[in-house]
Amino acid sequence: MTTHVVIVGAYGSAGVAAAQKLADAEDVRLTLVDDGDPGGGLCILKGCMPSKEILSAGKHRFQARHDDRVEGVPEVDLESVVATKDEHVGNWAEHRRAAVRTLAQRENVEFLHRTARFVDDRTVAVGDREIEADYVVVATGSSVNVPDLNGIDEVDYMTSADVLDATDFPDSGLVMGFGYVGLEMVPYLAEAAEMDITVIEHHDYPLDEADREFRAAMLDIYREEFDVDVLTNTYEQSVEETADGGVRLHVRRGVSGQDSSGGRRETVEAGELFLFTGRRPNVANLGLENARLDPGSGWVADTMQARDDERIFVPGDANGHEPILHVAKEQGFLTAENVLRHRAGEELEPYRNVHHHVIFSGLGVYPFARVGTSEEALAAEARDYVAVTREASSDGVFATKAVPRGLAKLVVDADDGTVLGYQGLHYDADVMAKTMQVAVEMELDVREIPDRAYHPTTPEILDGLIREASEKLS
């Protein structure tokens, strides 16, 4: 008997991954639905791929400005940056659309370039059709999270998607949101657009997932290298437009913890407001209430199965678990496997992954990478571990490349030497993340990792960490 699966959001990373796997399964009929125009998915069109395009232009200016061996500071041609980005993104998006078209050429696959909405728990309306399915995969990604702030609906603001397309900026900007998106976009505005930037940060430091010394180093780099004014322990109270078309933000400074009613009142003004306040699951217009689904906390299990309906699966950004491209793809593949397991009456597998994140902070000159656990997490568990930290300045190669700042840390099990985690905030930390992922996921003993340097290369910082950790163990 053929199983009919409808995938809503087929252009996205999670949707296309699930579709590719299910299309090869025996006795499966697929209906792929996506209203993207142009299609291609968030990451390709407005996310991680175009953002790296524009960051690279700012990176070249920053490095020239910080290298005493280079005379003069180049200007960034924003029109050229955006035009090049658009060309490349167009090619990548067409590749994704071609993959979906290729799937749709199969006898068991249909693609509908329309909007979908639940009619009931097993029926999806697509255009003037109502399609009954055995399983529905909701892979609709995420949308911009606009904070609930007094006055926000009365002022103009730019999101990260707007920044990707902009070729002209005012002299000053005010940023709300200093997480992944803010850490990547803020240096671009300061360096490439040459803006005076003020950032609102709710806590002592940005970058919650990092150990304290990395958070502090990140803050110092932004203040000192990019001249960004970061207002820490500050909460937004209301926002309004100024007489000249700018924005005025009312805040409370010196706030401790989550009590935003404390502190002292201040106002901050700028020519433009930037909202880098994260993303939320894009499920508001899907008619989930007709499928008896409540998209609140815990509404999707680690198996990607909806809590309230065992035949609905929600991979990727739409579930709100971990909105990152590679995670969405992995969850998409798992969703396909779990649909087939459920059909066969087998136990479903949960999504488990070793923490592996890279943030292209500091225009990618000073990226942050974390693989595995952190020292603070191990300390909270009262686990016996060994931690070693190394400054980038300890290795001359970073000074040679005129990128002397940053640090890295390795944590290993104190009993058997198993590599448990790595953090890096330094030049090329993003490149080293894969190497450290291998060490963590294969549970290597740090003493068995070859102590062999290839001088002069930036991964020598890893050699130093490995040697120091091995020495501490012995």
Protein backbone atom coordinates (compact mmCIF):
# COMPACT_ATOMS: atom_id res chain seq x y z
CA MET A 1 0.00 0.00 0.00
CA THR A 2 1.40 3.39 -0.99
CA THR A 3 2.03 5.98 1.72
CA HIS A 4 1.26 9.58 0.76
CA VAL A 5 3.52 12.23 2.34
CA VAL A 6 2.96 15.96 1.89
CA ILE A 7 6.00 18.18 2.52
CA VAL A 8 5.18 21.84 3.11
CA GLY A 9 8.29 23.95 2.58
CA ALA A 10 10.00 21.82 -0.04
CA TYR A 11 12.55 24.44 -1.13
CA GLY A 12 14.12 24.77 2.33
CA SER A 13 17.06 22.79 3.66
CA ALA A 14 14.96 20.53 5.90
CA GLY A 15 12.19 20.03 3.33
CA VAL A 16 14.41 19.13 0.41
CA ALA A 17 16.48 16.77 2.58
CA ALA A 18 13.34 14.90 3.67
CA ALA A 19 12.05 14.85 0.10
CA GLN A 20 15.23 13.43 -1.38
CA LYS A 21 15.26 10.56 1.09
CA LEU A 22 11.56 9.76 0.90
CA ALA A 23 11.53 9.88 -2.90
CA ASP A 24 13.82 6.84 -2.92
CA ALA A 25 11.69 4.88 -0.45
CA GLU A 26 9.52 2.02 -1.60
CA ASP A 27 5.75 2.64 -1.86
CA VAL A 28 5.92 6.35 -1.05
CA ARG A 29 4.09 9.08 -2.96
CA LEU A 30 5.23 12.65 -2.38
CA THR A 31 3.48 15.96 -2.80
CA LEU A 32 5.96 18.81 -2.44
CA VAL A 33 4.54 22.26 -1.72
CA ASP A 34 6.30 25.62 -1.57
CA ASP A 35 5.19 29.16 -2.44
CA GLY A 36 8.69 30.64 -2.46
CA ASP A 37 9.17 33.27 -5.17
CA PRO A 38 11.90 32.85 -6.04
CA GLY A 39 12.31 29.50 -4.36
CA GLY A 40 15.56 28.48 -2.77
CA GLY A 41 15.15 28.44 0.98
CA LEU A 42 16.03 30.96 3.67
CA CYS A 43 19.71 30.11 4.05
CA ILE A 44 20.41 30.55 0.36
CA LEU A 45 18.25 33.60 -0.27
CA LYS A 46 18.42 35.65 2.91
CA GLY A 47 20.55 33.80 5.43
CA CYS A 48 23.96 32.32 5.97
CA MET A 49 25.13 32.18 2.36
CA PRO A 50 24.47 35.79 1.23
CA SER A 51 25.63 37.10 4.62
CA LYS A 52 29.06 35.52 4.10
CA GLU A 53 29.19 37.23 0.71
CA ILE A 54 28.86 40.71 2.14
CA LEU A 55 31.00 39.99 5.22
CA SER A 56 33.92 39.06 3.00
CA ALA A 57 34.01 42.56 1.50
CA GLY A 58 34.14 44.18 4.92
CA LYS A 59 36.79 41.68 5.97
CA HIS A 60 39.19 42.88 3.26
CA ARG A 61 38.82 46.50 4.35
CA PHE A 62 39.27 45.63 8.03
CA GLN A 63 42.46 43.66 7.38
CA ALA A 64 43.94 46.39 5.19
CA ARG A 65 43.11 48.96 7.88
CA HIS A 66 44.82 46.89 10.57
CA ASP A 67 47.97 45.97 8.66
CA ASP A 68 50.72 48.58 9.01
CA ARG A 69 52.41 47.16 5.92
CA VAL A 70 49.53 48.34 3.74
CA GLU A 71 49.10 52.02 2.90
CA GLY A 72 45.68 53.56 2.61
CA VAL A 73 42.24 52.27 3.55
CA PRO A 74 40.07 51.03 0.68
CA GLU A 75 36.41 51.93 0.35
CA VAL A 76 33.81 49.22 0.03
CA ASP A 77 31.67 49.59 -3.09
CA LEU A 78 28.32 48.56 -1.66
CA GLU A 79 26.62 48.44 -5.05
CA SER A 80 29.26 46.01 -6.28
CA VAL A 81 28.99 43.97 -3.07
CA VAL A 82 25.21 43.58 -3.47
CA ALA A 83 25.39 42.91 -7.21
CA THR A 84 27.97 40.16 -6.73
CA LYS A 85 25.96 38.70 -3.87
CA ASP A 86 22.80 38.68 -5.98
CA GLU A 87 24.55 36.92 -8.84
CA HIS A 88 25.97 34.18 -6.65
CA VAL A 89 22.78 33.75 -4.62
CA GLY A 90 20.79 33.49 -7.83
CA ASN A 91 23.00 30.63 -8.99
CA TRP A 92 22.75 28.80 -5.68
CA ALA A 93 18.99 29.23 -5.52
CA GLU A 94 18.56 27.95 -9.06
CA HIS A 95 20.57 24.87 -8.12
CA ARG A 96 18.13 24.23 -5.23
CA ARG A 97 15.10 24.79 -7.47
CA ALA A 98 16.59 22.45 -10.07
CA ALA A 99 16.94 19.76 -7.41
CA VAL A 100 13.23 20.08 -6.60
CA ARG A 101 12.30 20.07 -10.30
CA THR A 102 14.37 16.92 -10.79
CA LEU A 103 12.51 15.23 -7.94
CA ALA A 104 9.19 16.29 -9.45
CA GLN A 105 10.02 14.46 -12.69
CA ARG A 106 9.68 11.14 -10.88
CA GLU A 107 6.41 9.27 -11.19
CA ASN A 108 5.89 9.23 -7.42
CA VAL A 109 6.56 12.96 -6.86
CA GLU A 110 4.43 16.05 -7.55
CA PHE A 111 5.48 19.66 -6.93
CA LEU A 112 2.96 22.45 -6.31
CA HIS A 113 4.21 26.02 -6.33
CA ARG A 114 1.42 27.24 -4.06
CA THR A 115 0.62 28.13 -0.46
CA ALA A 116 -0.53 25.33 1.84
CA ARG A 117 -2.84 25.38 4.85
CA PHE A 118 -4.23 22.64 7.08
CA VAL A 119 -7.96 21.96 6.72
CA ASP A 120 -7.90 19.21 9.32
CA ASP A 121 -5.30 16.94 10.86
CA ARG A 122 -4.71 15.00 7.67
CA THR A 123 -5.93 17.32 4.91
CA VAL A 124 -3.95 20.18 3.40
CA ALA A 125 -5.51 22.80 1.14
CA VAL A 126 -3.21 23.85 -1.71
CA GLY A 127 -4.80 26.40 -3.99
CA ASP A 128 -8.24 25.04 -4.94
CA ARG A 129 -7.25 21.46 -4.08
CA GLU A 130 -7.64 19.58 -0.83
CA ILE A 131 -5.01 16.88 -0.45
CA GLU A 132 -5.38 14.02 2.00
CA ALA A 133 -2.11 12.64 3.31
CA ASP A 134 -0.90 9.81 5.49
CA TYR A 135 1.87 12.04 6.84
CA VAL A 136 2.55 15.78 6.68
CA VAL A 137 6.02 17.26 7.05
CA VAL A 138 6.04 20.93 8.08
CA ALA A 139 9.36 22.43 7.03
CA THR A 140 8.41 26.07 6.66
CA GLY A 141 11.50 27.56 8.28
CA SER A 142 11.51 30.73 10.35
CA SER A 143 10.66 34.41 10.12
CA VAL A 144 12.03 37.54 11.75
CA ASN A 145 11.24 37.87 15.44
CA VAL A 146 9.91 41.38 16.00
CA PRO A 147 10.04 42.12 19.74
CA ASP A 148 6.98 43.25 21.66
CA LEU A 149 8.18 46.81 22.27
CA ASN A 150 6.06 49.90 22.72
CA GLY A 151 6.21 51.94 19.51
CA ILE A 152 7.88 49.29 17.32
CA ASP A 153 4.94 49.29 14.89
CA GLU A 154 5.24 53.04 14.40
CA VAL A 155 8.89 53.22 13.28
CA ASP A 156 10.83 51.97 10.29
CA TYR A 157 13.54 49.40 10.88
CA MET A 158 15.89 47.17 8.91
CA THR A 159 16.35 43.44 9.40
CA SER A 160 19.35 41.37 8.35
CA ALA A 161 17.58 40.63 5.05
CA ASP A 162 17.29 44.37 4.39
CA VAL A 163 20.98 44.87 5.15
CA LEU A 164 21.91 42.22 2.58
CA ASP A 165 20.25 44.27 -0.17
CA ALA A 166 21.11 47.81 0.96
CA THR A 167 23.58 50.00 -0.92
CA ASP A 168 23.12 53.16 1.15
CA PHE A 169 23.05 53.70 4.91
CA PRO A 170 22.78 56.73 7.23
CA ASP A 171 25.72 57.82 9.35
CA SER A 172 24.53 56.11 12.53
CA GLY A 173 22.64 53.01 13.54
CA LEU A 174 21.04 51.55 16.64
CA VAL A 175 21.03 47.74 16.97
CA MET A 176 18.64 45.59 18.96
CA GLY A 177 19.78 41.99 19.17
CA PHE A 178 23.39 40.87 19.70
CA GLY A 179 23.14 37.14 19.14
CA TYR A 180 24.29 35.19 16.08
CA VAL A 181 22.76 37.64 13.61
CA GLY A 182 23.90 40.77 15.41
CA LEU A 183 27.44 39.51 15.93
CA GLU A 184 27.75 38.98 12.17
CA MET A 185 25.90 42.06 10.90
CA VAL A 186 27.21 44.73 13.29
CA PRO A 187 30.86 44.69 12.09
CA TYR A 188 29.67 44.90 8.48
CA LEU A 189 27.70 48.06 9.26
CA ALA A 190 30.65 49.54 11.15
CA GLU A 191 33.33 48.58 8.63
CA ALA A 192 31.81 48.36 5.16
CA ALA A 193 29.04 50.93 5.62
CA GLU A 194 31.26 53.04 7.94
CA MET A 195 28.43 53.70 10.40
CA ASP A 196 28.58 54.75 14.03
CA ILE A 197 26.88 51.79 15.69
CA THR A 198 25.32 51.51 19.16
CA VAL A 199 24.26 48.04 20.32
CA ILE A 200 21.81 47.17 23.09
CA GLU A 201 23.02 44.12 25.06
CA HIS A 202 20.85 42.79 27.89
CA HIS A 203 23.63 41.06 29.80
CA ASP A 204 27.24 41.64 30.84
CA TYR A 205 28.49 40.14 27.59
CA PRO A 206 27.17 38.69 24.32
CA LEU A 207 27.59 35.07 23.21
CA ASP A 208 25.78 33.06 25.88
CA GLU A 209 27.06 29.68 24.72
CA ALA A 210 30.72 30.58 25.30
CA ASP A 211 32.78 30.53 28.48
CA ARG A 212 33.18 33.88 30.22
CA GLU A 213 36.67 34.70 28.91
CA PHE A 214 35.45 34.28 25.33
CA ARG A 215 32.44 36.51 25.93
CA ALA A 216 34.69 39.18 27.42
CA ALA A 217 37.20 38.91 24.57
CA MET A 218 34.39 39.20 22.01
CA LEU A 219 33.10 42.37 23.64
CA ASP A 220 36.61 43.89 23.71
CA ILE A 221 37.17 43.13 20.02
CA TYR A 222 33.93 44.83 19.00
CA ARG A 223 34.60 47.89 21.10
CA GLU A 224 38.28 48.28 20.30
CA GLU A 225 38.66 46.96 16.76
CA PHE A 226 35.32 48.05 15.29
CA ASP A 227 34.62 51.07 17.54
CA VAL A 228 31.13 49.79 18.34
CA ASP A 229 29.41 51.28 21.38
CA VAL A 230 27.91 48.28 23.22
CA LEU A 231 25.54 49.24 26.03
CA THR A 232 25.60 46.25 28.36
CA ASN A 233 23.00 45.46 31.04
CA THR A 234 20.57 47.58 29.10
CA TYR A 235 16.90 46.92 28.24
CA GLU A 236 14.67 48.61 25.68
CA GLN A 237 11.54 50.32 27.02
CA SER A 238 9.99 52.09 24.01
CA VAL A 239 10.93 53.48 20.62
CA GLU A 240 9.79 56.46 18.54
CA GLU A 241 10.65 58.31 15.37
CA THR A 242 12.62 61.55 15.58
CA ALA A 243 11.70 64.74 13.75
CA ASP A 244 14.41 64.15 11.14
CA GLY A 245 13.28 60.59 10.34
CA GLY A 246 15.69 58.82 12.66
CA VAL A 247 14.90 56.76 15.71
CA ARG A 248 14.92 57.40 19.46
CA LEU A 249 15.10 54.46 21.83
CA HIS A 250 14.22 54.77 25.51
CA VAL A 251 16.21 52.31 27.63
CA ARG A 252 17.12 51.40 31.18
CA ARG A 253 20.84 51.14 31.86
CA GLY A 254 22.56 49.20 34.62
CA VAL A 255 19.85 46.55 34.78
CA SER A 256 20.73 43.45 36.78
CA GLY A 257 19.25 40.12 35.73
CA GLN A 258 15.82 39.98 34.07
CA ASP A 259 14.28 42.84 36.06
CA SER A 260 14.17 45.46 33.29
CA SER A 261 12.29 47.87 35.59
CA GLY A 262 15.47 48.68 37.47
CA GLY A 263 18.43 50.79 36.41
CA ARG A 264 18.42 54.36 35.16
CA ARG A 265 16.48 55.82 32.28
CA GLU A 266 18.33 57.04 29.19
CA THR A 267 17.60 57.73 25.53
CA VAL A 268 19.68 56.78 22.51
CA GLU A 269 19.24 58.24 19.02
CA ALA A 270 20.47 57.16 15.59
CA GLY A 271 19.64 57.46 11.92
CA GLU A 272 18.43 53.87 11.54
CA LEU A 273 17.10 51.06 13.73
CA PHE A 274 18.32 47.53 13.04
CA LEU A 275 16.42 44.53 14.39
CA PHE A 276 18.71 41.53 14.75
CA THR A 277 16.46 40.03 17.42
CA GLY A 278 16.50 36.44 16.23
CA ARG A 279 13.93 34.35 14.43
CA ARG A 280 10.75 32.47 15.29
CA PRO A 281 9.10 29.42 13.68
CA ASN A 282 7.24 30.39 10.52
CA VAL A 283 3.98 28.58 11.27
CA ALA A 284 1.50 31.37 11.96
CA ASN A 285 -0.48 31.06 8.72
CA LEU A 286 -0.54 27.28 8.32
CA GLY A 287 -3.87 26.67 10.05
CA LEU A 288 -2.23 24.49 12.69
CA GLU A 289 -5.28 24.96 14.88
CA ASN A 290 -7.25 22.93 12.33
CA ALA A 291 -4.81 20.09 12.86
CA ARG A 292 -5.17 20.45 16.64
CA LEU A 293 -1.55 21.53 16.96
CA ASP A 294 -0.42 24.09 19.53
CA PRO A 295 3.00 25.45 18.48
CA GLY A 296 4.15 26.29 21.97
CA SER A 297 6.93 25.03 24.18
CA GLY A 298 7.74 21.38 23.55
CA TRP A 299 5.30 21.00 20.68
CA VAL A 300 7.84 18.98 18.65
CA ALA A 301 9.71 16.00 20.13
CA ASP A 302 13.37 15.20 19.51
CA THR A 303 12.15 12.67 16.92
CA MET A 304 10.72 15.63 14.91
CA GLN A 305 7.25 14.22 15.59
CA ALA A 306 4.57 16.70 16.67
CA ARG A 307 3.50 16.19 20.27
CA ASP A 308 -0.21 16.33 19.43
CA ASP A 309 -0.24 14.32 16.19
CA GLU A 310 1.98 11.31 15.56
CA ARG A 311 1.66 11.67 11.77
CA ILE A 312 2.92 15.25 11.55
CA PHE A 313 6.67 15.91 11.60
CA VAL A 314 8.36 19.29 11.96
CA PRO A 315 12.09 19.49 11.11
CA GLY A 316 14.35 22.53 10.83
CA ASP A 317 13.72 26.11 11.94
CA ALA A 318 9.95 25.51 12.10
CA ASN A 319 10.29 23.50 15.31
CA GLY A 320 12.25 26.22 17.12
CA HIS A 321 14.85 23.81 18.50
CA GLU A 322 18.07 24.97 16.81
CA PRO A 323 17.67 27.25 13.76
CA ILE A 324 20.89 26.43 11.93
CA LEU A 325 21.30 25.22 8.33
CA HIS A 326 23.23 22.01 8.93
CA VAL A 327 20.92 21.08 11.77
CA ALA A 328 17.90 21.58 9.50
CA LYS A 329 19.36 19.24 6.90
CA GLU A 330 20.17 16.57 9.49
CA GLN A 331 16.68 16.87 10.95
CA GLY A 332 15.18 16.62 7.46
CA PHE A 333 16.95 13.33 6.78
CA LEU A 334 15.94 12.03 10.23
CA THR A 335 12.34 13.03 9.60
CA ALA A 336 12.23 10.91 6.45
CA GLU A 337 13.70 7.95 8.32
CA ASN A 338 11.23 8.36 11.18
CA VAL A 339 8.25 8.60 8.84
CA LEU A 340 9.30 5.24 7.44
CA ARG A 341 9.91 3.83 10.93
CA HIS A 342 6.47 4.95 12.05
CA ARG A 343 4.87 3.37 8.99
CA ALA A 344 6.63 0.11 9.84
CA GLY A 345 5.57 0.26 13.50
CA GLU A 346 9.17 0.72 14.67
CA GLU A 347 10.52 2.93 17.43
CA LEU A 348 11.51 6.40 16.28
CA GLU A 349 15.04 7.74 16.65
CA PRO A 350 15.66 11.08 18.40
CA TYR A 351 17.82 13.80 16.91
CA ARG A 352 21.09 13.92 18.80
CA ASN A 353 24.05 16.00 17.80
CA VAL A 354 27.29 17.17 19.31
CA HIS A 355 27.17 20.93 19.70
CA HIS A 356 28.91 22.36 16.62
CA HIS A 357 28.42 26.05 15.93
CA VAL A 358 30.41 28.65 14.05
CA ILE A 359 29.62 32.37 14.21
CA PHE A 360 31.37 34.56 11.66
CA SER A 361 31.93 37.28 14.22
CA GLY A 362 34.37 40.10 13.56
CA LEU A 363 33.65 39.87 9.80
CA GLY A 364 35.09 36.36 9.87
CA VAL A 365 38.48 37.76 10.88
CA TYR A 366 37.70 36.75 14.46
CA PRO A 367 35.14 33.95 14.12
CA PHE A 368 33.89 32.00 17.11
CA ALA A 369 33.62 28.21 16.97
CA ARG A 370 32.43 25.81 19.61
CA VAL A 371 32.39 22.03 19.29
CA GLY A 372 31.18 19.80 22.11
CA THR A 373 30.75 20.98 25.67
CA SER A 374 32.19 24.00 27.48
CA GLU A 375 34.16 24.28 30.70
CA GLU A 376 31.32 26.12 32.41
CA ALA A 377 28.91 23.30 31.52
CA LEU A 378 31.33 20.68 32.87
CA ALA A 379 31.84 22.66 36.07
CA ALA A 380 28.06 22.85 36.56
CA GLU A 381 27.91 19.06 36.24
CA ALA A 382 30.74 18.71 38.81
CA ARG A 383 32.57 16.54 36.27
CA ASP A 384 36.28 15.86 36.62
CA TYR A 385 37.98 17.49 33.66
CA VAL A 386 41.14 19.20 32.48
CA ALA A 387 40.92 22.57 30.70
CA VAL A 388 43.73 24.38 28.88
CA THR A 389 43.55 27.81 27.26
CA ARG A 390 45.94 29.35 24.77
CA GLU A 391 46.11 32.95 23.58
CA ALA A 392 46.52 33.58 19.87
CA SER A 393 49.37 35.92 20.73
CA SER A 394 51.35 32.90 21.95
CA ASP A 395 51.75 31.78 18.34
CA GLY A 396 53.68 34.16 16.12
CA VAL A 397 51.77 33.16 13.01
CA PHE A 398 48.78 35.25 14.11
CA ALA A 399 50.94 38.35 14.43
CA THR A 400 52.49 37.55 11.05
CA LYS A 401 49.02 37.66 9.52
CA ALA A 402 48.15 40.87 11.42
CA VAL A 403 45.37 39.16 13.38
CA PRO A 404 46.94 38.90 16.84
CA ARG A 405 43.87 38.76 19.06
CA GLY A 406 41.84 35.86 20.37
CA LEU A 407 42.12 32.62 22.30
CA ALA A 408 41.22 28.95 22.22
CA LYS A 409 40.33 26.35 24.84
CA LEU A 410 40.31 22.57 25.01
CA VAL A 411 38.51 20.51 27.66
CA VAL A 412 39.21 16.80 28.14
CA ASP A 413 38.10 14.11 30.56
CA ALA A 414 40.48 13.97 33.52
CA ASP A 415 40.37 10.16 33.73
CA ASP A 416 40.72 8.90 30.17
CA GLY A 417 41.76 12.00 28.23
CA THR A 418 38.70 11.99 25.95
CA VAL A 419 38.36 15.29 24.10
CA LEU A 420 35.08 16.80 25.31
CA GLY A 421 35.02 20.26 23.78
CA TYR A 422 36.80 23.06 21.97
CA GLN A 423 36.18 26.78 21.75
CA GLY A 424 38.03 29.18 19.51
CA LEU A 425 37.76 32.93 19.02
CA HIS A 426 40.55 33.75 16.64
CA TYR A 427 41.54 33.89 13.00
CA ASP A 428 40.72 30.61 11.21
CA ALA A 429 38.79 29.21 14.19
CA ASP A 430 35.99 28.35 11.74
CA VAL A 431 38.39 26.27 9.64
CA MET A 432 39.56 24.35 12.70
CA ALA A 433 36.04 23.46 13.83
CA LYS A 434 35.82 20.39 11.59
CA THR A 435 39.10 18.99 12.91
CA MET A 436 37.88 19.40 16.47
CA GLN A 437 34.50 17.92 15.59
CA VAL A 438 36.31 14.75 14.51
CA ALA A 439 38.22 14.67 17.80
CA VAL A 440 35.07 15.19 19.89
CA GLU A 441 32.65 12.93 18.02
CA MET A 442 35.18 10.10 17.70
CA GLU A 443 35.95 10.49 21.42
CA LEU A 444 39.69 10.60 20.81
CA ASP A 445 42.16 10.49 23.67
CA VAL A 446 44.00 13.80 23.48
CA ARG A 447 47.30 11.97 24.16
CA GLU A 448 46.83 9.92 20.97
CA ILE A 449 46.37 12.90 18.65
CA PRO A 450 49.59 13.33 16.62
CA ASP A 451 51.81 16.11 17.95
CA ARG A 452 53.03 17.25 14.58
CA ALA A 453 53.09 20.91 13.56
CA TYR A 454 53.24 22.21 10.01
CA HIS A 455 54.88 25.55 10.53
CA PRO A 456 53.88 28.26 10.01
CA THR A 457 50.14 27.62 10.10
CA THR A 458 47.40 28.92 12.37
CA PRO A 459 46.37 25.39 13.54
CA GLU A 460 49.52 25.44 15.66
CA ILE A 461 47.22 26.82 18.31
CA LEU A 462 45.60 23.37 18.36
CA ASP A 463 48.99 21.69 18.70
CA GLY A 464 49.69 23.86 21.73
CA LEU A 465 46.37 22.97 23.34
CA ILE A 466 46.88 19.26 22.69
CA ARG A 467 50.40 19.30 24.17
CA GLU A 468 49.33 21.25 27.25
CA ALA A 469 46.33 19.02 27.91
CA SER A 470 48.46 15.88 27.50
CA GLU A 471 51.06 17.23 29.90
CA LYS A 472 48.40 18.03 32.52
CA LEU A 473 46.99 14.51 32.27
CA SER A 474 50.41 12.95 32.81
